[in-house]
């Protein structure tokens, strides 16, 4: 591991099913941070597959999530992350002192069509852009 990699901030996005909100957030952070942030996502009760409407909504903004799969939340993932952002998993996320925790209240896209997922996607992007400026001050998201 290089010294630069050791300094790279890491973020874990957690929602119940790891099929919509946390997957979109991870995809935005991966895309917009351009490798400056280590990104993880997980769910306390992962679904069988990523929400197709979320995949379609992200494809509309040029981000391909079609190969992503929901992952189970592990204690190790929380331990290895500097910032843990929950999206509706409540008390199921393990707590470790010294970590930065945020709870983003976002509508659950489960069972919704792409028209209903777009505003959730756009809210997540806005929050990710703000997060990047906090974690990587020298890097600003691309102006669209």
N, C-alpha and C. Protein backbone atom coordinates (compact mmCIF):
# COMPACT_ATOMS: atom_id res chain seq x y z
N UNK A 1 0.85 -1.19 0.00
CA UNK A 1 0.00 0.00 0.00
C UNK A 1 0.88 1.24 0.00
N UNK A 2 0.59 2.17 -0.87
CA UNK A 2 1.38 3.39 -0.94
C UNK A 2 0.95 4.34 0.15
N UNK A 3 1.81 5.31 0.41
CA UNK A 3 1.48 6.31 1.41
C UNK A 3 0.24 7.08 0.98
N UNK A 4 0.16 7.37 -0.33
CA UNK A 4 -1.01 8.09 -0.85
C UNK A 4 -2.29 7.30 -0.61
N UNK A 5 -2.27 6.00 -0.84
CA UNK A 5 -3.45 5.16 -0.63
C UNK A 5 -3.83 5.13 0.85
N UNK A 6 -2.83 5.17 1.72
CA UNK A 6 -3.10 5.14 3.16
C UNK A 6 -3.84 6.40 3.60
N UNK A 7 -3.64 7.52 2.91
CA UNK A 7 -4.27 8.78 3.27
C UNK A 7 -5.64 8.96 2.59
N UNK A 8 -5.96 8.10 1.67
CA UNK A 8 -7.22 8.23 0.93
C UNK A 8 -8.39 8.00 1.87
N UNK A 9 -9.32 8.96 1.96
CA UNK A 9 -10.48 8.74 2.83
C UNK A 9 -11.36 7.61 2.27
N UNK A 10 -12.05 6.92 3.18
CA UNK A 10 -12.93 5.84 2.75
C UNK A 10 -14.35 6.09 3.28
N UNK A 11 -15.32 5.78 2.43
CA UNK A 11 -16.72 6.01 2.75
C UNK A 11 -17.50 4.72 2.53
N UNK A 12 -18.37 4.40 3.48
CA UNK A 12 -19.26 3.25 3.38
C UNK A 12 -20.70 3.76 3.37
N UNK A 13 -21.45 3.38 2.34
CA UNK A 13 -22.86 3.72 2.25
C UNK A 13 -23.67 2.48 2.64
N UNK A 14 -24.63 2.66 3.55
CA UNK A 14 -25.41 1.53 4.05
C UNK A 14 -26.89 1.83 3.95
N UNK A 15 -27.64 0.91 3.33
CA UNK A 15 -29.10 0.93 3.41
C UNK A 15 -29.55 -0.52 3.59
N UNK A 16 -30.80 -0.72 3.84
CA UNK A 16 -31.28 -2.06 4.19
C UNK A 16 -30.96 -3.08 3.10
N UNK A 17 -31.36 -2.81 1.87
CA UNK A 17 -31.25 -3.80 0.81
C UNK A 17 -30.00 -3.64 -0.07
N UNK A 18 -29.28 -2.54 0.04
CA UNK A 18 -28.10 -2.26 -0.79
C UNK A 18 -28.45 -2.45 -2.27
N UNK A 19 -29.63 -1.97 -2.63
CA UNK A 19 -30.12 -2.17 -3.99
C UNK A 19 -30.46 -0.87 -4.70
N UNK A 20 -30.54 0.23 -3.97
CA UNK A 20 -30.95 1.50 -4.58
C UNK A 20 -30.10 2.66 -4.12
N UNK A 21 -30.49 3.26 -2.99
CA UNK A 21 -29.83 4.48 -2.51
C UNK A 21 -28.34 4.32 -2.30
N UNK A 22 -27.93 3.29 -1.57
CA UNK A 22 -26.51 3.12 -1.28
C UNK A 22 -25.72 2.79 -2.55
N UNK A 23 -26.33 2.06 -3.47
CA UNK A 23 -25.65 1.75 -4.73
C UNK A 23 -25.49 3.01 -5.58
N UNK A 24 -26.52 3.85 -5.64
CA UNK A 24 -26.42 5.10 -6.41
C UNK A 24 -25.37 6.02 -5.79
N UNK A 25 -25.37 6.11 -4.46
CA UNK A 25 -24.40 6.98 -3.78
C UNK A 25 -22.97 6.49 -4.05
N UNK A 26 -22.75 5.19 -3.94
CA UNK A 26 -21.42 4.63 -4.19
C UNK A 26 -20.99 4.87 -5.63
N UNK A 27 -21.92 4.71 -6.56
CA UNK A 27 -21.59 4.91 -7.98
C UNK A 27 -21.25 6.38 -8.26
N UNK A 28 -22.02 7.30 -7.68
CA UNK A 28 -21.71 8.73 -7.86
C UNK A 28 -20.35 9.06 -7.25
N UNK A 29 -20.09 8.59 -6.04
CA UNK A 29 -18.82 8.92 -5.39
C UNK A 29 -17.65 8.33 -6.17
N UNK A 30 -17.79 7.11 -6.63
CA UNK A 30 -16.73 6.49 -7.43
C UNK A 30 -16.47 7.30 -8.69
N UNK A 31 -17.53 7.70 -9.36
CA UNK A 31 -17.41 8.45 -10.62
C UNK A 31 -16.87 9.87 -10.40
N UNK A 32 -17.46 10.60 -9.48
CA UNK A 32 -17.13 12.01 -9.31
C UNK A 32 -15.82 12.25 -8.56
N UNK A 33 -15.43 11.34 -7.67
CA UNK A 33 -14.19 11.54 -6.90
C UNK A 33 -12.96 11.09 -7.70
N UNK A 34 -13.18 10.39 -8.79
CA UNK A 34 -12.09 9.98 -9.69
C UNK A 34 -10.93 9.30 -8.96
N UNK A 35 -11.28 8.38 -8.06
CA UNK A 35 -10.24 7.60 -7.37
C UNK A 35 -9.68 8.23 -6.12
N UNK A 36 -10.12 9.42 -5.76
CA UNK A 36 -9.58 10.10 -4.58
C UNK A 36 -10.19 9.60 -3.27
N UNK A 37 -11.25 8.81 -3.35
CA UNK A 37 -11.94 8.29 -2.17
C UNK A 37 -12.17 6.80 -2.38
N UNK A 38 -11.91 6.02 -1.33
CA UNK A 38 -12.24 4.59 -1.37
C UNK A 38 -13.72 4.45 -1.06
N UNK A 39 -14.45 3.68 -1.88
CA UNK A 39 -15.90 3.63 -1.78
C UNK A 39 -16.36 2.20 -1.51
N UNK A 40 -17.29 2.06 -0.54
CA UNK A 40 -17.91 0.77 -0.24
C UNK A 40 -19.41 0.99 -0.10
N UNK A 41 -20.19 -0.06 -0.33
CA UNK A 41 -21.62 -0.01 -0.02
C UNK A 41 -22.04 -1.39 0.47
N UNK A 42 -23.08 -1.40 1.30
CA UNK A 42 -23.54 -2.66 1.87
C UNK A 42 -24.96 -2.49 2.39
N UNK A 43 -25.59 -3.62 2.71
CA UNK A 43 -26.94 -3.60 3.24
C UNK A 43 -27.09 -4.55 4.41
N UNK A 44 -27.96 -4.18 5.35
CA UNK A 44 -28.18 -5.04 6.51
C UNK A 44 -28.99 -6.29 6.12
N UNK A 45 -29.81 -6.17 5.08
CA UNK A 45 -30.58 -7.30 4.54
C UNK A 45 -30.54 -7.18 3.02
N UNK A 46 -29.41 -7.53 2.39
CA UNK A 46 -29.24 -7.28 0.96
C UNK A 46 -30.30 -7.97 0.09
N UNK A 47 -30.71 -7.27 -0.96
CA UNK A 47 -31.65 -7.82 -1.93
C UNK A 47 -30.91 -8.79 -2.85
N UNK A 48 -31.67 -9.45 -3.72
CA UNK A 48 -31.08 -10.38 -4.69
C UNK A 48 -30.36 -9.65 -5.81
N UNK A 49 -30.85 -8.43 -6.15
CA UNK A 49 -30.25 -7.68 -7.25
C UNK A 49 -30.46 -6.19 -7.02
N UNK A 50 -29.69 -5.39 -7.75
CA UNK A 50 -29.83 -3.94 -7.68
C UNK A 50 -31.14 -3.55 -8.38
N UNK A 51 -31.80 -2.56 -7.82
CA UNK A 51 -33.07 -2.06 -8.34
C UNK A 51 -32.90 -1.63 -9.80
N UNK A 52 -33.64 -2.26 -10.73
CA UNK A 52 -33.51 -1.92 -12.15
C UNK A 52 -33.81 -0.45 -12.45
N UNK A 53 -34.74 0.16 -11.72
CA UNK A 53 -35.05 1.58 -11.94
C UNK A 53 -33.87 2.45 -11.52
N UNK A 54 -33.15 2.05 -10.47
CA UNK A 54 -31.95 2.79 -10.05
C UNK A 54 -30.85 2.66 -11.11
N UNK A 55 -30.69 1.45 -11.64
CA UNK A 55 -29.70 1.22 -12.70
C UNK A 55 -30.03 2.10 -13.90
N UNK A 56 -31.30 2.15 -14.30
CA UNK A 56 -31.72 2.95 -15.45
C UNK A 56 -31.53 4.44 -15.18
N UNK A 57 -31.90 4.89 -13.99
CA UNK A 57 -31.77 6.31 -13.65
C UNK A 57 -30.29 6.74 -13.68
N UNK A 58 -29.41 5.88 -13.20
CA UNK A 58 -27.99 6.21 -13.22
C UNK A 58 -27.43 6.18 -14.65
N UNK A 59 -27.91 5.25 -15.46
CA UNK A 59 -27.47 5.19 -16.87
C UNK A 59 -27.82 6.49 -17.60
N UNK A 60 -28.93 7.11 -17.20
CA UNK A 60 -29.34 8.38 -17.82
C UNK A 60 -28.32 9.49 -17.59
N UNK A 61 -27.53 9.37 -16.53
CA UNK A 61 -26.50 10.38 -16.24
C UNK A 61 -25.10 9.83 -16.53
N UNK A 62 -25.05 8.75 -17.30
CA UNK A 62 -23.77 8.23 -17.78
C UNK A 62 -23.01 7.34 -16.82
N UNK A 63 -23.69 6.79 -15.82
CA UNK A 63 -23.02 5.90 -14.86
C UNK A 63 -23.65 4.51 -14.95
N UNK A 64 -22.81 3.52 -15.24
CA UNK A 64 -23.27 2.15 -15.41
C UNK A 64 -23.16 1.38 -14.10
N UNK A 65 -24.30 1.01 -13.54
CA UNK A 65 -24.34 0.21 -12.31
C UNK A 65 -24.82 -1.20 -12.59
N UNK A 66 -24.94 -1.59 -13.84
CA UNK A 66 -25.56 -2.86 -14.20
C UNK A 66 -24.81 -4.08 -13.67
N UNK A 67 -23.52 -3.95 -13.40
CA UNK A 67 -22.75 -5.10 -12.91
C UNK A 67 -22.70 -5.17 -11.37
N UNK A 68 -23.28 -4.18 -10.70
CA UNK A 68 -23.23 -4.16 -9.24
C UNK A 68 -24.16 -5.21 -8.64
N UNK A 69 -23.77 -5.72 -7.47
CA UNK A 69 -24.61 -6.67 -6.74
C UNK A 69 -24.70 -6.22 -5.28
N UNK A 70 -25.87 -6.41 -4.65
CA UNK A 70 -26.00 -6.07 -3.24
C UNK A 70 -25.04 -6.89 -2.39
N UNK A 71 -24.46 -6.24 -1.38
CA UNK A 71 -23.49 -6.88 -0.49
C UNK A 71 -23.97 -6.79 0.95
N UNK A 72 -23.62 -7.79 1.75
CA UNK A 72 -24.00 -7.81 3.17
C UNK A 72 -23.10 -6.86 3.97
N UNK A 73 -23.70 -6.15 4.90
CA UNK A 73 -22.96 -5.27 5.80
C UNK A 73 -22.14 -6.10 6.76
N UNK A 74 -20.85 -5.81 6.84
CA UNK A 74 -19.98 -6.51 7.78
C UNK A 74 -19.36 -5.53 8.75
N UNK A 75 -19.00 -6.03 9.91
CA UNK A 75 -18.31 -5.21 10.90
C UNK A 75 -17.00 -4.69 10.32
N UNK A 76 -16.31 -5.53 9.53
CA UNK A 76 -15.03 -5.13 8.94
C UNK A 76 -15.20 -3.93 8.02
N UNK A 77 -16.27 -3.91 7.22
CA UNK A 77 -16.50 -2.79 6.31
C UNK A 77 -16.64 -1.48 7.08
N UNK A 78 -17.33 -1.53 8.23
CA UNK A 78 -17.49 -0.33 9.04
C UNK A 78 -16.14 0.06 9.65
N UNK A 79 -15.41 -0.91 10.18
CA UNK A 79 -14.11 -0.64 10.80
C UNK A 79 -13.14 0.01 9.81
N UNK A 80 -13.19 -0.44 8.55
CA UNK A 80 -12.24 0.02 7.54
C UNK A 80 -12.64 1.35 6.91
N UNK A 81 -13.77 1.92 7.28
CA UNK A 81 -14.26 3.16 6.67
C UNK A 81 -14.10 4.34 7.61
N UNK A 82 -13.77 5.49 7.05
CA UNK A 82 -13.65 6.73 7.83
C UNK A 82 -15.01 7.37 8.05
N UNK A 83 -15.85 7.29 7.01
CA UNK A 83 -17.18 7.90 7.05
C UNK A 83 -18.20 6.80 6.76
N UNK A 84 -19.23 6.70 7.59
CA UNK A 84 -20.30 5.73 7.40
C UNK A 84 -21.59 6.52 7.22
N UNK A 85 -22.19 6.37 6.03
CA UNK A 85 -23.43 7.10 5.73
C UNK A 85 -24.56 6.08 5.63
N UNK A 86 -25.50 6.20 6.56
CA UNK A 86 -26.64 5.29 6.58
C UNK A 86 -27.82 5.94 5.86
N UNK A 87 -28.65 5.09 5.29
CA UNK A 87 -29.82 5.55 4.53
C UNK A 87 -30.99 4.66 4.90
N UNK A 88 -31.37 4.67 6.15
CA UNK A 88 -32.54 3.91 6.56
C UNK A 88 -32.25 2.56 7.19
N UNK A 89 -31.00 2.29 7.59
CA UNK A 89 -30.74 0.99 8.23
C UNK A 89 -30.87 1.09 9.74
N UNK A 90 -31.03 2.29 10.26
CA UNK A 90 -31.28 2.47 11.69
C UNK A 90 -30.19 1.91 12.57
N UNK A 91 -30.59 1.18 13.60
CA UNK A 91 -29.66 0.67 14.60
C UNK A 91 -28.91 -0.57 14.15
N UNK A 92 -29.16 -1.06 12.94
CA UNK A 92 -28.50 -2.28 12.49
C UNK A 92 -27.05 -2.04 12.08
N UNK A 93 -26.63 -0.80 11.97
CA UNK A 93 -25.27 -0.49 11.57
C UNK A 93 -24.39 -0.46 12.82
N UNK A 94 -23.31 -1.26 12.84
CA UNK A 94 -22.43 -1.25 14.02
C UNK A 94 -21.80 0.12 14.23
N UNK A 95 -21.61 0.47 15.49
CA UNK A 95 -21.03 1.77 15.82
C UNK A 95 -19.63 1.59 16.37
N UNK A 96 -18.68 2.36 15.86
CA UNK A 96 -17.31 2.36 16.37
C UNK A 96 -16.91 3.79 16.67
N UNK A 97 -16.41 4.06 17.88
CA UNK A 97 -15.95 5.41 18.21
C UNK A 97 -14.87 5.87 17.23
N UNK A 98 -14.87 7.16 16.94
CA UNK A 98 -13.85 7.72 16.06
C UNK A 98 -14.24 7.75 14.60
N UNK A 99 -15.36 7.14 14.25
CA UNK A 99 -15.85 7.17 12.87
C UNK A 99 -16.80 8.35 12.72
N UNK A 100 -16.88 8.88 11.53
CA UNK A 100 -17.87 9.92 11.25
C UNK A 100 -19.12 9.22 10.72
N UNK A 101 -20.24 9.43 11.37
CA UNK A 101 -21.51 8.83 10.95
C UNK A 101 -22.46 9.93 10.50
N UNK A 102 -23.14 9.67 9.40
CA UNK A 102 -24.20 10.56 8.94
C UNK A 102 -25.39 9.69 8.56
N UNK A 103 -26.60 10.20 8.78
CA UNK A 103 -27.79 9.50 8.33
C UNK A 103 -28.47 10.40 7.31
N UNK A 104 -28.48 9.94 6.07
CA UNK A 104 -29.14 10.68 5.00
C UNK A 104 -30.56 10.18 4.87
N UNK A 105 -31.52 11.06 5.14
CA UNK A 105 -32.93 10.69 5.01
C UNK A 105 -33.32 10.89 3.55
N UNK A 106 -33.51 9.76 2.87
CA UNK A 106 -33.84 9.77 1.46
C UNK A 106 -34.99 8.79 1.22
N UNK A 107 -35.86 9.12 0.31
CA UNK A 107 -36.96 8.22 -0.03
C UNK A 107 -36.39 6.91 -0.57
N UNK A 108 -37.02 5.80 -0.21
CA UNK A 108 -36.58 4.49 -0.68
C UNK A 108 -37.11 4.27 -2.11
N UNK A 109 -36.22 4.00 -3.07
CA UNK A 109 -36.68 3.80 -4.45
C UNK A 109 -37.27 2.42 -4.73
N UNK A 110 -37.29 1.54 -3.73
CA UNK A 110 -37.80 0.17 -3.93
C UNK A 110 -39.22 0.21 -4.48
N UNK A 111 -39.45 -0.54 -5.54
CA UNK A 111 -40.78 -0.67 -6.11
C UNK A 111 -41.24 0.53 -6.92
N UNK A 112 -40.38 1.51 -7.12
CA UNK A 112 -40.76 2.71 -7.86
C UNK A 112 -40.21 2.65 -9.29
N UNK A 113 -40.87 3.33 -10.19
CA UNK A 113 -40.39 3.44 -11.56
C UNK A 113 -39.29 4.48 -11.67
N UNK A 114 -38.65 4.54 -12.82
CA UNK A 114 -37.52 5.44 -13.02
C UNK A 114 -37.92 6.91 -12.83
N UNK A 115 -39.17 7.26 -13.16
CA UNK A 115 -39.62 8.64 -12.98
C UNK A 115 -39.55 9.05 -11.51
N UNK A 116 -39.87 8.13 -10.62
CA UNK A 116 -39.84 8.40 -9.18
C UNK A 116 -38.43 8.30 -8.61
N UNK A 117 -37.56 7.58 -9.29
CA UNK A 117 -36.19 7.41 -8.80
C UNK A 117 -35.32 8.62 -9.16
N UNK A 118 -35.63 9.29 -10.26
CA UNK A 118 -34.80 10.44 -10.70
C UNK A 118 -34.59 11.49 -9.61
N UNK A 119 -35.65 11.95 -8.91
CA UNK A 119 -35.41 12.98 -7.88
C UNK A 119 -34.55 12.46 -6.72
N UNK A 120 -34.67 11.17 -6.40
CA UNK A 120 -33.83 10.57 -5.35
C UNK A 120 -32.38 10.56 -5.84
N UNK A 121 -32.18 10.14 -7.08
CA UNK A 121 -30.84 10.14 -7.69
C UNK A 121 -30.23 11.54 -7.64
N UNK A 122 -31.00 12.54 -8.01
CA UNK A 122 -30.48 13.91 -8.06
C UNK A 122 -30.14 14.44 -6.67
N UNK A 123 -30.93 14.09 -5.67
CA UNK A 123 -30.64 14.48 -4.29
C UNK A 123 -29.35 13.81 -3.82
N UNK A 124 -29.18 12.54 -4.16
CA UNK A 124 -27.95 11.83 -3.79
C UNK A 124 -26.74 12.49 -4.43
N UNK A 125 -26.85 12.85 -5.71
CA UNK A 125 -25.72 13.50 -6.40
C UNK A 125 -25.33 14.79 -5.69
N UNK A 126 -26.31 15.61 -5.33
CA UNK A 126 -26.04 16.87 -4.64
C UNK A 126 -25.29 16.61 -3.34
N UNK A 127 -25.72 15.61 -2.59
CA UNK A 127 -25.06 15.29 -1.31
C UNK A 127 -23.65 14.76 -1.55
N UNK A 128 -23.46 13.96 -2.60
CA UNK A 128 -22.14 13.40 -2.91
C UNK A 128 -21.18 14.53 -3.30
N UNK A 129 -21.65 15.47 -4.11
CA UNK A 129 -20.79 16.59 -4.51
C UNK A 129 -20.33 17.37 -3.28
N UNK A 130 -21.22 17.58 -2.33
CA UNK A 130 -20.86 18.27 -1.09
C UNK A 130 -19.86 17.43 -0.28
N UNK A 131 -20.10 16.13 -0.20
CA UNK A 131 -19.20 15.24 0.54
C UNK A 131 -17.79 15.27 -0.05
N UNK A 132 -17.70 15.28 -1.37
CA UNK A 132 -16.38 15.31 -2.03
C UNK A 132 -15.63 16.58 -1.65
N UNK A 133 -16.31 17.72 -1.62
CA UNK A 133 -15.62 18.96 -1.28
C UNK A 133 -15.13 18.95 0.17
N UNK A 134 -15.81 18.20 1.04
CA UNK A 134 -15.36 18.06 2.43
C UNK A 134 -14.17 17.10 2.54
N UNK A 135 -14.24 15.97 1.83
CA UNK A 135 -13.22 14.93 1.97
C UNK A 135 -11.98 15.19 1.13
N UNK A 136 -12.17 15.82 -0.03
CA UNK A 136 -11.07 16.07 -0.97
C UNK A 136 -11.14 17.53 -1.37
N UNK A 137 -10.74 18.45 -0.47
CA UNK A 137 -10.93 19.87 -0.72
C UNK A 137 -10.31 20.38 -2.02
N UNK A 138 -9.22 19.77 -2.46
CA UNK A 138 -8.57 20.27 -3.68
C UNK A 138 -9.29 19.82 -4.94
N UNK A 139 -10.22 18.88 -4.82
CA UNK A 139 -10.91 18.36 -5.99
C UNK A 139 -12.36 18.78 -5.97
N UNK A 140 -12.80 19.35 -7.05
CA UNK A 140 -14.19 19.77 -7.15
C UNK A 140 -14.88 18.92 -8.19
N UNK A 141 -16.14 18.54 -7.95
CA UNK A 141 -16.86 17.75 -8.95
C UNK A 141 -16.94 18.50 -10.28
N UNK A 142 -17.00 17.76 -11.34
CA UNK A 142 -17.11 18.37 -12.67
C UNK A 142 -18.36 19.22 -12.74
N UNK A 143 -18.23 20.40 -13.34
CA UNK A 143 -19.40 21.23 -13.56
C UNK A 143 -20.19 20.64 -14.72
N UNK A 144 -21.45 20.50 -14.55
CA UNK A 144 -22.28 19.91 -15.60
C UNK A 144 -23.10 20.99 -16.27
